[in-house]
Structure formats: C-alpha cells, structure tokens
Amino acid sequence: MARCEVCGNDYDLTFSVETQDGAKHVFDSFACAIHRMAPICEHCETRIIGQGVEAEGHWYCGAHCARAEGKVGLVDHV
C-alpha cells in the first residue's frame, strides 16, 4: 500500500503520476491529484482543469481572465 501525498490516506489502490522532470507523485484519487498538480489561474485563482490559456509564461483559466490581466490577442472561441 502507498500513502496519498495530499490527504495521507494509506490505500491499496493509489496511483502514481510522473512529471516531465522525473518527479513521481502518489495519489488516492483524481481529486487529490488535481489539488496538487493542476495549475492555478493567475487572475481568478481557480484550478485549471481544462485547456486553459498561456500568455507570456502565465497561465489563465480562459481568455477572459488573461484579458483582465492585460494580455491581448487571446480568444476563447474563434
């Protein structure tokens, strides 16, 4: 059994996620994985579960939040 690094649950059905830099993370649920790994919108501070948008090295949940931070040229729908 392994222990979830977010909630500490010692569970026989944990799963691991390896990142591009080789770091390995262990979770007992997708909720814990999202809590630890999903980027956070730099405007509204919500977890970015879907696509999100990146502008000049900053992450936003959508074009609206990017525009609110002064980024131009981003649209949610073309």
Protein backbone atom coordinates (compact mmCIF):
# COMPACT_ATOMS: atom_id res chain seq x y z
CA MET A 1 0.00 0.00 0.00
CA ALA A 2 1.05 3.57 -0.55
CA ARG A 3 0.12 6.85 1.10
CA CYS A 4 -1.51 9.72 -0.82
CA GLU A 5 0.76 12.75 -0.65
CA VAL A 6 -2.21 15.14 -0.37
CA CYS A 7 -4.63 13.58 2.13
CA GLY A 8 -2.37 10.97 3.71
CA ASN A 9 -4.76 8.09 3.05
CA ASP A 10 -2.91 4.76 3.12
CA TYR A 11 -4.72 2.94 0.31
CA ASP A 12 -4.12 -0.18 -1.77
CA LEU A 13 -5.42 1.43 -4.99
CA THR A 14 -3.24 4.52 -5.11
CA PHE A 15 -1.76 5.56 -8.44
CA SER A 16 1.36 7.50 -9.35
CA VAL A 17 1.94 10.32 -11.80
CA GLU A 18 5.41 11.02 -13.14
CA THR A 19 6.10 14.55 -14.38
CA GLN A 20 8.33 15.57 -17.27
CA ASP A 21 11.17 16.34 -14.87
CA GLY A 22 11.00 12.82 -13.44
CA ALA A 23 9.27 13.66 -10.16
CA LYS A 24 6.85 10.96 -9.02
CA HIS A 25 3.64 11.79 -7.14
CA VAL A 26 1.30 9.31 -5.42
CA PHE A 27 -2.44 9.93 -5.02
CA ASP A 28 -5.52 8.01 -3.89
CA SER A 29 -7.98 9.96 -6.08
CA PHE A 30 -8.15 12.27 -9.06
CA ALA A 31 -9.38 14.98 -6.70
CA CYS A 32 -6.11 14.83 -4.76
CA ALA A 33 -4.09 14.75 -7.99
CA ILE A 34 -5.91 17.84 -9.29
CA HIS A 35 -5.41 19.61 -5.96
CA ARG A 36 -1.65 19.06 -6.12
CA MET A 37 -0.90 19.26 -9.85
CA ALA A 38 -3.40 21.50 -11.67
CA PRO A 39 -2.08 24.98 -12.42
CA ILE A 40 -3.89 27.94 -10.84
CA CYS A 41 -5.32 30.81 -12.89
CA GLU A 42 -3.22 33.89 -12.18
CA HIS A 43 -6.31 36.11 -12.27
CA CYS A 44 -9.22 34.34 -10.54
CA GLU A 45 -7.11 31.69 -8.73
CA THR A 46 -9.27 28.74 -9.80
CA ARG A 47 -7.66 25.39 -10.60
CA ILE A 48 -7.27 24.94 -14.34
CA ILE A 49 -8.74 21.52 -15.09
CA GLY A 50 -9.35 22.01 -18.82
CA GLN A 51 -7.23 23.58 -21.53
CA GLY A 52 -6.62 26.99 -20.04
CA VAL A 53 -4.55 29.56 -21.89
CA GLU A 54 -0.91 30.54 -21.58
CA ALA A 55 0.28 34.07 -22.32
CA GLU A 56 3.85 35.23 -21.89
CA GLY A 57 4.59 32.42 -19.45
CA HIS A 58 1.48 33.00 -17.32
CA TRP A 59 -1.49 30.61 -17.02
CA TYR A 60 -5.16 31.57 -17.02
CA CYS A 61 -8.37 29.53 -16.97
CA GLY A 62 -9.57 31.31 -20.12
CA ALA A 63 -9.11 34.28 -22.40
CA HIS A 64 -11.38 36.45 -20.23
CA CYS A 65 -9.02 36.20 -17.26
CA ALA A 66 -5.98 36.71 -19.49
CA ARG A 67 -7.52 39.90 -20.91
CA ALA A 68 -8.35 41.08 -17.39
CA GLU A 69 -4.61 40.86 -16.69
CA GLY A 70 -3.80 42.94 -19.78
CA LYS A 71 -2.95 40.13 -22.21
CA VAL A 72 -4.14 40.79 -25.77
CA GLY A 73 -4.94 38.63 -28.76
CA LEU A 74 -6.48 35.71 -26.85
CA VAL A 75 -10.00 34.47 -27.55
CA ASP A 76 -11.98 31.56 -26.12
CA HIS A 77 -13.72 30.86 -29.45
CA VAL A 78 -12.69 31.68 -33.00
